[in-house]
Amino acid sequence: MSMADHIKPISYLKANAAKIAQELKDDGEPYFITQNGEAAMVVQSVAEYERKENTLAMLQLISQAEQDIQAGRTSPMDEALLDIRSKLGLL
């Protein structure tokens, strides 16, 4: 199904909520809901929402790591692993 097929007015959402919920589970493609002819919301499955949130969290961690490297907040790998093992009680 093309993206254009998933642009619907809010009245469609109201009348077809169960159908939309099933389609979201089946193919994961979000719906773009309009109100008065303008984009109003995006409806997506919980699984897709969680996937995107996890991706965003990972990108934020990578960005923070890059900032730490640029600021010189690093330590040798063997020291870092020793610190982690110590904190986890694995020593």
PDB file of N, CA and C in Angstrom:
ATOM      1  N   MET A   1       0.842  -1.170   0.000  1.00  0.00           N
ATOM      2  CA  MET A   1       0.000   0.000   0.000  1.00  0.00           C
ATOM      3  C   MET A   1       0.890   1.238   0.000  1.00  0.00           C
ATOM      4  N   SER A   2       0.545   2.214  -0.796  1.00  0.00           N
ATOM      5  CA  SER A   2       1.355   3.422  -0.874  1.00  0.00           C
ATOM      6  C   SER A   2       1.035   4.359   0.283  1.00  0.00           C
ATOM      7  N   MET A   3       1.949   5.296   0.523  1.00  0.00           N
ATOM      8  CA  MET A   3       1.752   6.261   1.596  1.00  0.00           C
ATOM      9  C   MET A   3       0.477   7.069   1.373  1.00  0.00           C
ATOM     10  N   ALA A   4       0.180   7.393   0.129  1.00  0.00           N
ATOM     11  CA  ALA A   4      -1.023   8.169  -0.180  1.00  0.00           C
ATOM     12  C   ALA A   4      -2.283   7.439   0.262  1.00  0.00           C
ATOM     13  N   ASP A   5      -2.259   6.123   0.257  1.00  0.00           N
ATOM     14  CA  ASP A   5      -3.410   5.334   0.705  1.00  0.00           C
ATOM     15  C   ASP A   5      -3.618   5.428   2.208  1.00  0.00           C
ATOM     16  N   HIS A   6      -2.605   5.887   2.920  1.00  0.00           N
ATOM     17  CA  HIS A   6      -2.678   5.978   4.378  1.00  0.00           C
ATOM     18  C   HIS A   6      -2.894   7.413   4.859  1.00  0.00           C
ATOM     19  N   ILE A   7      -3.294   8.307   3.980  1.00  0.00           N
ATOM     20  CA  ILE A   7      -3.671   9.666   4.366  1.00  0.00           C
ATOM     21  C   ILE A   7      -5.187   9.702   4.383  1.00  0.00           C
ATOM     22  N   LYS A   8      -5.746   9.880   5.579  1.00  0.00           N
ATOM     23  CA  LYS A   8      -7.197   9.786   5.738  1.00  0.00           C
ATOM     24  C   LYS A   8      -7.713  10.923   6.611  1.00  0.00           C
ATOM     25  N   PRO A   9      -8.960  11.317   6.390  1.00  0.00           N
ATOM     26  CA  PRO A   9      -9.562  12.325   7.273  1.00  0.00           C
ATOM     27  C   PRO A   9      -9.912  11.705   8.622  1.00  0.00           C
ATOM     28  N   ILE A  10     -10.071  12.532   9.613  1.00  0.00           N
ATOM     29  CA  ILE A  10     -10.356  12.047  10.956  1.00  0.00           C
ATOM     30  C   ILE A  10     -11.658  11.254  11.000  1.00  0.00           C
ATOM     31  N   SER A  11     -12.589  11.569  10.135  1.00  0.00           N
ATOM     32  CA  SER A  11     -13.852  10.819  10.098  1.00  0.00           C
ATOM     33  C   SER A  11     -13.596   9.358   9.723  1.00  0.00           C
ATOM     34  N   TYR A  12     -12.616   9.112   8.857  1.00  0.00           N
ATOM     35  CA  TYR A  12     -12.261   7.730   8.490  1.00  0.00           C
ATOM     36  C   TYR A  12     -11.709   6.989   9.706  1.00  0.00           C
ATOM     37  N   LEU A  13     -10.871   7.664  10.482  1.00  0.00           N
ATOM     38  CA  LEU A  13     -10.325   7.065  11.695  1.00  0.00           C
ATOM     39  C   LEU A  13     -11.445   6.693  12.660  1.00  0.00           C
ATOM     40  N   LYS A  14     -12.385   7.603  12.848  1.00  0.00           N
ATOM     41  CA  LYS A  14     -13.501   7.352  13.762  1.00  0.00           C
ATOM     42  C   LYS A  14     -14.340   6.156  13.307  1.00  0.00           C
ATOM     43  N   ALA A  15     -14.578   6.060  12.015  1.00  0.00           N
ATOM     44  CA  ALA A  15     -15.451   5.009  11.488  1.00  0.00           C
ATOM     45  C   ALA A  15     -14.746   3.673  11.298  1.00  0.00           C
ATOM     46  N   ASN A  16     -13.412   3.681  11.247  1.00  0.00           N
ATOM     47  CA  ASN A  16     -12.673   2.454  10.906  1.00  0.00           C
ATOM     48  C   ASN A  16     -11.549   2.148  11.889  1.00  0.00           C
ATOM     49  N   ALA A  17     -11.711   2.512  13.137  1.00  0.00           N
ATOM     50  CA  ALA A  17     -10.635   2.353  14.116  1.00  0.00           C
ATOM     51  C   ALA A  17     -10.157   0.906  14.222  1.00  0.00           C
ATOM     52  N   ALA A  18     -11.061  -0.051  14.296  1.00  0.00           N
ATOM     53  CA  ALA A  18     -10.662  -1.462  14.439  1.00  0.00           C
ATOM     54  C   ALA A  18      -9.905  -1.939  13.192  1.00  0.00           C
ATOM     55  N   LYS A  19     -10.376  -1.547  12.010  1.00  0.00           N
ATOM     56  CA  LYS A  19      -9.710  -1.929  10.760  1.00  0.00           C
ATOM     57  C   LYS A  19      -8.297  -1.333  10.712  1.00  0.00           C
ATOM     58  N   ILE A  20      -8.188  -0.068  11.087  1.00  0.00           N
ATOM     59  CA  ILE A  20      -6.879   0.587  11.087  1.00  0.00           C
ATOM     60  C   ILE A  20      -5.939  -0.090  12.074  1.00  0.00           C
ATOM     61  N   ALA A  21      -6.441  -0.405  13.267  1.00  0.00           N
ATOM     62  CA  ALA A  21      -5.615  -1.082  14.271  1.00  0.00           C
ATOM     63  C   ALA A  21      -5.074  -2.402  13.726  1.00  0.00           C
ATOM     64  N   GLN A  22      -5.908  -3.162  13.038  1.00  0.00           N
ATOM     65  CA  GLN A  22      -5.462  -4.442  12.473  1.00  0.00           C
ATOM     66  C   GLN A  22      -4.423  -4.223  11.380  1.00  0.00           C
ATOM     67  N   GLU A  23      -4.643  -3.232  10.524  1.00  0.00           N
ATOM     68  CA  GLU A  23      -3.678  -2.946   9.456  1.00  0.00           C
ATOM     69  C   GLU A  23      -2.337  -2.497  10.029  1.00  0.00           C
ATOM     70  N   LEU A  24      -2.386  -1.722  11.106  1.00  0.00           N
ATOM     71  CA  LEU A  24      -1.141  -1.296  11.741  1.00  0.00           C
ATOM     72  C   LEU A  24      -0.362  -2.493  12.269  1.00  0.00           C
ATOM     73  N   LYS A  25      -1.076  -3.459  12.827  1.00  0.00           N
ATOM     74  CA  LYS A  25      -0.413  -4.677  13.314  1.00  0.00           C
ATOM     75  C   LYS A  25       0.130  -5.507  12.158  1.00  0.00           C
ATOM     76  N   ASP A  26      -0.609  -5.552  11.068  1.00  0.00           N
ATOM     77  CA  ASP A  26      -0.226  -6.398   9.936  1.00  0.00           C
ATOM     78  C   ASP A  26       0.949  -5.844   9.141  1.00  0.00           C
ATOM     79  N   ASP A  27       0.885  -4.567   8.770  1.00  0.00           N
ATOM     80  CA  ASP A  27       1.941  -4.056   7.890  1.00  0.00           C
ATOM     81  C   ASP A  27       2.789  -2.943   8.504  1.00  0.00           C
ATOM     82  N   GLY A  28       2.387  -2.410   9.639  1.00  0.00           N
ATOM     83  CA  GLY A  28       3.197  -1.422  10.336  1.00  0.00           C
ATOM     84  C   GLY A  28       3.229  -0.041   9.725  1.00  0.00           C
ATOM     85  N   GLU A  29       2.545   0.158   8.604  1.00  0.00           N
ATOM     86  CA  GLU A  29       2.555   1.463   7.944  1.00  0.00           C
ATOM     87  C   GLU A  29       1.659   2.436   8.710  1.00  0.00           C
ATOM     88  N   PRO A  30       2.188   3.593   9.082  1.00  0.00           N
ATOM     89  CA  PRO A  30       1.383   4.543   9.847  1.00  0.00           C
ATOM     90  C   PRO A  30       0.297   5.195   8.992  1.00  0.00           C
ATOM     91  N   TYR A  31      -0.702   5.720   9.666  1.00  0.00           N
ATOM     92  CA  TYR A  31      -1.746   6.508   9.021  1.00  0.00           C
ATOM     93  C   TYR A  31      -1.507   7.974   9.336  1.00  0.00           C
ATOM     94  N   PHE A  32      -1.698   8.825   8.340  1.00  0.00           N
ATOM     95  CA  PHE A  32      -1.606  10.265   8.505  1.00  0.00           C
ATOM     96  C   PHE A  32      -3.033  10.787   8.484  1.00  0.00           C
ATOM     97  N   ILE A  33      -3.455  11.350   9.593  1.00  0.00           N
ATOM     98  CA  ILE A  33      -4.835  11.771   9.759  1.00  0.00           C
ATOM     99  C   ILE A  33      -4.932  13.287   9.570  1.00  0.00           C
ATOM    100  N   THR A  34      -5.899  13.682   8.759  1.00  0.00           N
ATOM    101  CA  THR A  34      -6.121  15.107   8.517  1.00  0.00           C
ATOM    102  C   THR A  34      -7.381  15.567   9.228  1.00  0.00           C
ATOM    103  N   GLN A  35      -7.399  16.843   9.528  1.00  0.00           N
ATOM    104  CA  GLN A  35      -8.579  17.468  10.115  1.00  0.00           C
ATOM    105  C   GLN A  35      -8.743  18.823   9.435  1.00  0.00           C
ATOM    106  N   ASN A  36      -9.900  19.038   8.880  1.00  0.00           N
ATOM    107  CA  ASN A  36     -10.165  20.257   8.109  1.00  0.00           C
ATOM    108  C   ASN A  36      -9.146  20.440   6.986  1.00  0.00           C
ATOM    109  N   GLY A  37      -8.743  19.322   6.380  1.00  0.00           N
ATOM    110  CA  GLY A  37      -7.846  19.361   5.232  1.00  0.00           C
ATOM    111  C   GLY A  37      -6.372  19.536   5.547  1.00  0.00           C
ATOM    112  N   GLU A  38      -6.039  19.586   6.832  1.00  0.00           N
ATOM    113  CA  GLU A  38      -4.636  19.760   7.223  1.00  0.00           C
ATOM    114  C   GLU A  38      -4.168  18.567   8.054  1.00  0.00           C
ATOM    115  N   ALA A  39      -2.885  18.266   7.956  1.00  0.00           N
ATOM    116  CA  ALA A  39      -2.315  17.177   8.751  1.00  0.00           C
ATOM    117  C   ALA A  39      -2.550  17.455  10.229  1.00  0.00           C
ATOM    118  N   ALA A  40      -3.051  16.445  10.954  1.00  0.00           N
ATOM    119  CA  ALA A  40      -3.361  16.627  12.374  1.00  0.00           C
ATOM    120  C   ALA A  40      -2.615  15.647  13.262  1.00  0.00           C
ATOM    121  N   MET A  41      -2.413  14.418  12.779  1.00  0.00           N
ATOM    122  CA  MET A  41      -1.753  13.415  13.613  1.00  0.00           C
ATOM    123  C   MET A  41      -1.260  12.247  12.776  1.00  0.00           C
ATOM    124  N   VAL A  42      -0.401  11.467  13.412  1.00  0.00           N
ATOM    125  CA  VAL A  42       0.071  10.216  12.830  1.00  0.00           C
ATOM    126  C   VAL A  42      -0.349   9.110  13.784  1.00  0.00           C
ATOM    127  N   VAL A  43      -0.942   8.067  13.234  1.00  0.00           N
ATOM    128  CA  VAL A  43      -1.347   6.908  14.028  1.00  0.00           C
ATOM    129  C   VAL A  43      -0.463   5.748  13.602  1.00  0.00           C
ATOM    130  N   GLN A  44       0.207   5.144  14.586  1.00  0.00           N
ATOM    131  CA  GLN A  44       1.104   4.034  14.271  1.00  0.00           C
ATOM    132  C   GLN A  44       0.952   2.941  15.316  1.00  0.00           C
ATOM    133  N   SER A  45       1.447   1.769  14.993  1.00  0.00           N
ATOM    134  CA  SER A  45       1.369   0.644  15.923  1.00  0.00           C
ATOM    135  C   SER A  45       2.308   0.870  17.098  1.00  0.00           C
ATOM    136  N   VAL A  46       2.000   0.208  18.195  1.00  0.00           N
ATOM    137  CA  VAL A  46       2.859   0.294  19.372  1.00  0.00           C
ATOM    138  C   VAL A  46       4.242  -0.271  19.044  1.00  0.00           C
ATOM    139  N   ALA A  47       4.282  -1.353  18.306  1.00  0.00           N
ATOM    140  CA  ALA A  47       5.568  -1.974  17.947  1.00  0.00           C
ATOM    141  C   ALA A  47       6.436  -1.000  17.148  1.00  0.00           C
ATOM    142  N   GLU A  48       5.831  -0.311  16.194  1.00  0.00           N
ATOM    143  CA  GLU A  48       6.596   0.649  15.384  1.00  0.00           C
ATOM    144  C   GLU A  48       7.030   1.842  16.228  1.00  0.00           C
ATOM    145  N   TYR A  49       6.155   2.298  17.111  1.00  0.00           N
ATOM    146  CA  TYR A  49       6.502   3.406  18.003  1.00  0.00           C
ATOM    147  C   TYR A  49       7.698   3.023  18.881  1.00  0.00           C
ATOM    148  N   GLU A  50       7.654   1.827  19.469  1.00  0.00           N
ATOM    149  CA  GLU A  50       8.756   1.381  20.322  1.00  0.00           C
ATOM    150  C   GLU A  50      10.050   1.247  19.530  1.00  0.00           C
ATOM    151  N   ARG A  51       9.954   0.740  18.300  1.00  0.00           N
ATOM    152  CA  ARG A  51      11.143   0.598  17.462  1.00  0.00           C
ATOM    153  C   ARG A  51      11.777   1.967  17.200  1.00  0.00           C
ATOM    154  N   LYS A  52      10.950   2.941  16.879  1.00  0.00           N
ATOM    155  CA  LYS A  52      11.473   4.280  16.605  1.00  0.00           C
ATOM    156  C   LYS A  52      12.037   4.928  17.868  1.00  0.00           C
ATOM    157  N   GLU A  53      11.393   4.718  19.008  1.00  0.00           N
ATOM    158  CA  GLU A  53      11.902   5.255  20.269  1.00  0.00           C
ATOM    159  C   GLU A  53      13.256   4.628  20.615  1.00  0.00           C
ATOM    160  N   ASN A  54      13.384   3.326  20.393  1.00  0.00           N
ATOM    161  CA  ASN A  54      14.661   2.651  20.649  1.00  0.00           C
ATOM    162  C   ASN A  54      15.752   3.164  19.723  1.00  0.00           C
ATOM    163  N   THR A  55      15.402   3.393  18.469  1.00  0.00           N
ATOM    164  CA  THR A  55      16.363   3.947  17.514  1.00  0.00           C
ATOM    165  C   THR A  55      16.800   5.339  17.943  1.00  0.00           C
ATOM    166  N   LEU A  56      15.853   6.155  18.357  1.00  0.00           N
ATOM    167  CA  LEU A  56      16.173   7.502  18.814  1.00  0.00           C
ATOM    168  C   LEU A  56      17.076   7.461  20.045  1.00  0.00           C
ATOM    169  N   ALA A  57      16.777   6.578  20.983  1.00  0.00           N
ATOM    170  CA  ALA A  57      17.609   6.458  22.190  1.00  0.00           C
ATOM    171  C   ALA A  57      19.034   6.049  21.821  1.00  0.00           C
ATOM    172  N   MET A  58      19.182   5.126  20.889  1.00  0.00           N
ATOM    173  CA  MET A  58      20.507   4.687  20.463  1.00  0.00           C
ATOM    174  C   MET A  58      21.264   5.824  19.791  1.00  0.00           C
ATOM    175  N   LEU A  59      20.583   6.589  18.953  1.00  0.00           N
ATOM    176  CA  LEU A  59      21.229   7.728  18.302  1.00  0.00           C
ATOM    177  C   LEU A  59      21.671   8.774  19.321  1.00  0.00           C
ATOM    178  N   GLN A  60      20.877   8.966  20.363  1.00  0.00           N
ATOM    179  CA  GLN A  60      21.258   9.909  21.418  1.00  0.00           C
ATOM    180  C   GLN A  60      22.493   9.414  22.173  1.00  0.00           C
ATOM    181  N   LEU A  61      22.560   8.109  22.426  1.00  0.00           N
ATOM    182  CA  LEU A  61      23.738   7.543  23.083  1.00  0.00           C
ATOM    183  C   LEU A  61      24.981   7.715  22.218  1.00  0.00           C
ATOM    184  N   ILE A  62      24.841   7.494  20.929  1.00  0.00           N
ATOM    185  CA  ILE A  62      25.969   7.663  20.012  1.00  0.00           C
ATOM    186  C   ILE A  62      26.418   9.121  20.004  1.00  0.00           C
ATOM    187  N   SER A  63      25.469  10.037  19.961  1.00  0.00           N
ATOM    188  CA  SER A  63      25.803  11.458  19.976  1.00  0.00           C
ATOM    189  C   SER A  63      26.533  11.836  21.262  1.00  0.00           C
ATOM    190  N   GLN A  64      26.061  11.327  22.392  1.00  0.00           N
ATOM    191  CA  GLN A  64      26.716  11.612  23.671  1.00  0.00           C
ATOM    192  C   GLN A  64      28.128  11.027  23.687  1.00  0.00           C
ATOM    193  N   ALA A  65      28.281   9.835  23.145  1.00  0.00           N
ATOM    194  CA  ALA A  65      29.607   9.210  23.091  1.00  0.00           C
ATOM    195  C   ALA A  65      30.561  10.029  22.236  1.00  0.00           C
ATOM    196  N   GLU A  66      30.073  10.526  21.104  1.00  0.00           N
ATOM    197  CA  GLU A  66      30.918  11.357  20.246  1.00  0.00           C
ATOM    198  C   GLU A  66      31.330  12.643  20.965  1.00  0.00           C
ATOM    199  N   GLN A  67      30.411  13.225  21.718  1.00  0.00           N
ATOM    200  CA  GLN A  67      30.735  14.430  22.493  1.00  0.00           C
ATOM    201  C   GLN A  67      31.775  14.114  23.568  1.00  0.00           C
ATOM    202  N   ASP A  68      31.635  12.967  24.230  1.00  0.00           N
ATOM    203  CA  ASP A  68      32.608  12.563  25.242  1.00  0.00           C
ATOM    204  C   ASP A  68      33.995  12.378  24.630  1.00  0.00           C
ATOM    205  N   ILE A  69      34.057  11.775  23.456  1.00  0.00           N
ATOM    206  CA  ILE A  69      35.342  11.569  22.783  1.00  0.00           C
ATOM    207  C   ILE A  69      35.983  12.908  22.448  1.00  0.00           C
ATOM    208  N   GLN A  70      35.190  13.816  21.887  1.00  0.00           N
ATOM    209  CA  GLN A  70      35.721  15.136  21.525  1.00  0.00           C
ATOM    210  C   GLN A  70      36.194  15.912  22.749  1.00  0.00           C
ATOM    211  N   ALA A  71      35.542  15.695  23.886  1.00  0.00           N
ATOM    212  CA  ALA A  71      35.912  16.409  25.114  1.00  0.00           C
ATOM    213  C   ALA A  71      37.019  15.690  25.880  1.00  0.00           C
ATOM    214  N   GLY A  72      37.460  14.544  25.359  1.00  0.00           N
ATOM    215  CA  GLY A  72      38.538  13.816  26.012  1.00  0.00           C
ATOM    216  C   GLY A  72      38.098  12.988  27.215  1.00  0.00           C
ATOM    217  N   ARG A  73      36.805  12.765  27.348  1.00  0.00           N
ATOM    218  CA  ARG A  73      36.291  11.958  28.461  1.00  0.00           C
ATOM    219  C   ARG A  73      36.279  10.485  28.045  1.00  0.00           C
ATOM    220  N   THR A  74      37.474   9.929  27.959  1.00  0.00           N
ATOM    221  CA  THR A  74      37.627   8.532  27.544  1.00  0.00           C
ATOM    222  C   THR A  74      38.583   7.837  28.504  1.00  0.00           C
ATOM    223  N   SER A  75      38.591   6.526  28.426  1.00  0.00           N
ATOM    224  CA  SER A  75      39.564   5.741  29.186  1.00  0.00           C
ATOM    225  C   SER A  75      39.904   4.500  28.368  1.00  0.00           C
ATOM    226  N   PRO A  76      41.060   3.914  28.619  1.00  0.00           N
ATOM    227  CA  PRO A  76      41.444   2.710  27.872  1.00  0.00           C
ATOM    228  C   PRO A  76      40.416   1.591  28.094  1.00  0.00           C
ATOM    229  N   MET A  77      40.241   0.760  27.075  1.00  0.00           N
ATOM    230  CA  MET A  77      39.232  -0.288  27.122  1.00  0.00           C
ATOM    231  C   MET A  77      39.412  -1.215  28.313  1.00  0.00           C
ATOM    232  N   ASP A  78      40.638  -1.633  28.608  1.00  0.00           N
ATOM    233  CA  ASP A  78      40.838  -2.570  29.711  1.00  0.00           C
ATOM    234  C   ASP A  78      40.420  -1.950  31.042  1.00  0.00           C
ATOM    235  N   GLU A  79      40.658  -0.647  31.226  1.00  0.00           N
ATOM    236  CA  GLU A  79      40.224   0.023  32.449  1.00  0.00           C
ATOM    237  C   GLU A  79      38.697   0.125  32.499  1.00  0.00           C
ATOM    238  N   ALA A  80      38.097   0.437  31.379  1.00  0.00           N
ATOM    239  CA  ALA A  80      36.641   0.566  31.324  1.00  0.00           C
ATOM    240  C   ALA A  80      35.972  -0.773  31.626  1.00  0.00           C
ATOM    241  N   LEU A  81      36.488  -1.857  31.041  1.00  0.00           N
ATOM    242  CA  LEU A  81      35.923  -3.184  31.299  1.00  0.00           C
ATOM    243  C   LEU A  81      36.102  -3.600  32.758  1.00  0.00           C
ATOM    244  N   LEU A  82      37.239  -3.298  33.330  1.00  0.00           N
ATOM    245  CA  LEU A  82      37.490  -3.596  34.736  1.00  0.00           C
ATOM    246  C   LEU A  82      36.493  -2.840  35.620  1.00  0.00           C
ATOM    247  N   ASP A  83      36.248  -1.578  35.294  1.00  0.00           N
ATOM    248  CA  ASP A  83      35.295  -0.767  36.050  1.00  0.00           C
ATOM    249  C   ASP A  83      33.881  -1.340  35.940  1.00  0.00           C
ATOM    250  N   ILE A  84      33.494  -1.744  34.755  1.00  0.00           N
ATOM    251  CA  ILE A  84      32.158  -2.326  34.541  1.00  0.00           C
ATOM    252  C   ILE A  84      32.027  -3.632  35.317  1.00  0.00           C
ATOM    253  N   ARG A  85      33.013  -4.488  35.226  1.00  0.00           N
ATOM    254  CA  ARG A  85      32.972  -5.775  35.951  1.00  0.00           C
ATOM    255  C   ARG A  85      32.887  -5.545  37.465  1.00  0.00           C
ATOM    256  N   SER A  86      33.611  -4.561  37.930  1.00  0.00           N
ATOM    257  CA  SER A  86      33.587  -4.231  39.352  1.00  0.00           C
ATOM    258  C   SER A  86      32.200  -3.768  39.767  1.00  0.00           C
ATOM    259  N   LYS A  87      31.586  -2.886  38.984  1.00  0.00           N
ATOM    260  CA  LYS A  87      30.250  -2.387  39.296  1.00  0.00           C
ATOM    261  C   LYS A  87      29.194  -3.476  39.239  1.00  0.00           C
ATOM    262  N   LEU A  88      29.405  -4.476  38.396  1.00  0.00           N
ATOM    263  CA  LEU A  88      28.454  -5.578  38.281  1.00  0.00           C
ATOM    264  C   LEU A  88      28.757  -6.702  39.281  1.00  0.00           C
ATOM    265  N   GLY A  89      29.801  -6.551  40.046  1.00  0.00           N
ATOM    266  CA  GLY A  89      30.178  -7.582  41.022  1.00  0.00           C
ATOM    267  C   GLY A  89      30.716  -8.837  40.380  1.00  0.00           C
ATOM    268  N   LEU A  90      31.378  -8.694  39.261  1.00  0.00           N
ATOM    269  CA  LEU A  90      31.904  -9.852  38.525  1.00  0.00           C
ATOM    270  C   LEU A  90      33.385 -10.091  38.780  1.00  0.00           C
ATOM    271  N   LEU A  91      33.946  -9.407  39.734  1.00  0.00           N
ATOM    272  CA  LEU A  91      35.382  -9.587  40.038  1.00  0.00           C
ATOM    273  C   LEU A  91      35.565 -10.475  41.229  1.00  0.00           C
TER     274      LEU A  91
END
